[in-house]
Amino acid sequence: MAKMLKEGVWTKPVAVDDAHDLVLDGQHRMEAAKRLGLKWVPAIRYSYAEVEVWSLRPQHEFDWKQVTERALADKPYPYKTVKHKFPGDGLPQISIPISELKQ
């Protein structure tokens, strides 16, 4: 949030699952948006089936369906467990003034 306020711009969209509105990448940005009272949040919607998922934690193996089921049951995997690789070049860099997102 401090970086956003200092720079005055939003630089990376939030990634959202198009079927359930689950935040796939950018939960901290979403929380910052709430605290800043933003009306709009830059986001890109993905079909979760098209997003590569994996874990850096050897004790966790899953696919996007299992991640979705747990999230919808309010039993998400532990913080930083689920990693994502988005189609194409991944999440783009953007530059939207924070002031425009408050309107």
Protein backbone atom coordinates (compact mmCIF):
# COMPACT_ATOMS: atom_id res chain seq x y z
CA MET A 1 0.00 0.00 0.00
CA ALA A 2 2.84 2.38 0.84
CA LYS A 3 4.40 1.74 -2.58
CA MET A 4 1.08 2.45 -4.30
CA LEU A 5 0.65 5.70 -2.42
CA LYS A 6 4.25 6.78 -2.99
CA GLU A 7 4.15 6.07 -6.74
CA GLY A 8 0.51 7.09 -7.16
CA VAL A 9 -0.13 4.32 -9.69
CA TRP A 10 -1.42 0.76 -9.83
CA THR A 11 1.18 -1.30 -11.69
CA LYS A 12 -0.01 -4.92 -11.72
CA PRO A 13 -3.56 -6.22 -12.17
CA VAL A 14 -5.14 -8.77 -9.86
CA ALA A 15 -5.68 -12.21 -11.43
CA VAL A 16 -9.20 -13.59 -10.90
CA ASP A 17 -10.82 -16.93 -11.68
CA ASP A 18 -13.65 -16.26 -14.11
CA ALA A 19 -16.00 -18.91 -12.73
CA HIS A 20 -15.93 -18.09 -9.00
CA ASP A 21 -14.21 -14.70 -8.67
CA LEU A 22 -11.39 -16.25 -6.64
CA VAL A 23 -8.25 -14.12 -6.42
CA LEU A 24 -5.48 -16.21 -7.95
CA ASP A 25 -2.75 -13.60 -7.66
CA GLY A 26 -2.87 -10.24 -5.92
CA GLN A 27 -4.55 -10.82 -2.57
CA HIS A 28 -2.28 -8.19 -0.97
CA ARG A 29 -3.19 -5.74 -3.73
CA MET A 30 -6.89 -6.45 -3.09
CA GLU A 31 -6.44 -5.78 0.62
CA ALA A 32 -4.59 -2.54 -0.15
CA ALA A 33 -7.42 -1.50 -2.49
CA LYS A 34 -9.95 -2.04 0.30
CA ARG A 35 -7.88 -0.02 2.78
CA LEU A 36 -7.47 2.77 0.24
CA GLY A 37 -11.22 2.80 -0.40
CA LEU A 38 -10.83 2.21 -4.14
CA LYS A 39 -13.99 1.84 -6.19
CA TRP A 40 -12.20 -0.02 -9.01
CA VAL A 41 -9.45 -2.65 -9.01
CA PRO A 42 -7.56 -3.49 -12.21
CA ALA A 43 -8.02 -7.20 -12.86
CA ILE A 44 -7.65 -9.88 -15.49
CA ARG A 45 -10.00 -12.84 -15.52
CA TYR A 46 -8.68 -16.31 -16.34
CA SER A 47 -10.24 -19.69 -16.88
CA TYR A 48 -8.54 -21.53 -14.03
CA ALA A 49 -8.25 -24.66 -16.17
CA GLU A 50 -5.84 -22.70 -18.40
CA VAL A 51 -3.58 -21.61 -15.52
CA GLU A 52 -0.67 -23.83 -14.49
CA VAL A 53 -0.65 -24.51 -10.73
CA TRP A 54 2.01 -26.09 -8.50
CA SER A 55 3.46 -25.92 -5.02
CA LEU A 56 6.96 -25.28 -3.76
CA ARG A 57 6.03 -27.31 -0.68
CA PRO A 58 6.67 -31.03 -1.26
CA GLN A 59 3.87 -32.11 1.08
CA HIS A 60 1.22 -30.48 -1.16
CA GLU A 61 0.10 -31.85 -4.51
CA PHE A 62 -3.05 -30.56 -6.18
CA ASP A 63 -4.66 -29.34 -9.37
CA TRP A 64 -6.77 -26.25 -10.04
CA LYS A 65 -9.99 -28.14 -9.22
CA GLN A 66 -8.75 -29.06 -5.74
CA VAL A 67 -7.55 -25.51 -5.10
CA THR A 68 -10.97 -24.19 -6.13
CA GLU A 69 -12.86 -26.70 -3.98
CA ARG A 70 -10.86 -25.81 -0.89
CA ALA A 71 -11.18 -22.08 -1.48
CA LEU A 72 -14.96 -22.34 -1.92
CA ALA A 73 -15.17 -24.43 1.27
CA ASP A 74 -13.28 -21.64 3.10
CA LYS A 75 -10.32 -24.00 3.67
CA PRO A 76 -7.63 -22.50 1.43
CA TYR A 77 -4.14 -23.91 1.29
CA PRO A 78 -1.61 -22.20 3.59
CA TYR A 79 -0.15 -18.87 2.54
CA LYS A 80 2.32 -19.07 -0.37
CA THR A 81 1.48 -22.74 -1.06
CA VAL A 82 -0.26 -22.40 -4.44
CA LYS A 83 1.83 -20.95 -7.26
CA HIS A 84 0.45 -19.89 -10.65
CA LYS A 85 1.80 -19.44 -14.16
CA PHE A 86 -0.61 -17.44 -16.29
CA PRO A 87 -1.06 -17.97 -20.02
CA GLY A 88 1.05 -15.98 -22.46
CA ASP A 89 3.52 -13.62 -20.85
CA GLY A 90 1.74 -13.66 -17.49
CA LEU A 91 0.33 -10.60 -15.78
CA PRO A 92 1.11 -7.42 -17.70
CA GLN A 93 2.65 -4.29 -16.24
CA ILE A 94 0.15 -1.42 -16.21
CA SER A 95 0.13 2.16 -15.02
CA ILE A 96 -3.23 3.46 -13.81
CA PRO A 97 -3.33 6.50 -11.50
CA ILE A 98 -4.71 5.57 -8.08
CA SER A 99 -6.86 8.71 -8.25
CA GLU A 100 -8.75 7.23 -11.23
CA LEU A 101 -9.55 4.09 -9.23
CA LYS A 102 -11.19 6.10 -6.45
CA GLN A 103 -13.85 7.62 -8.74
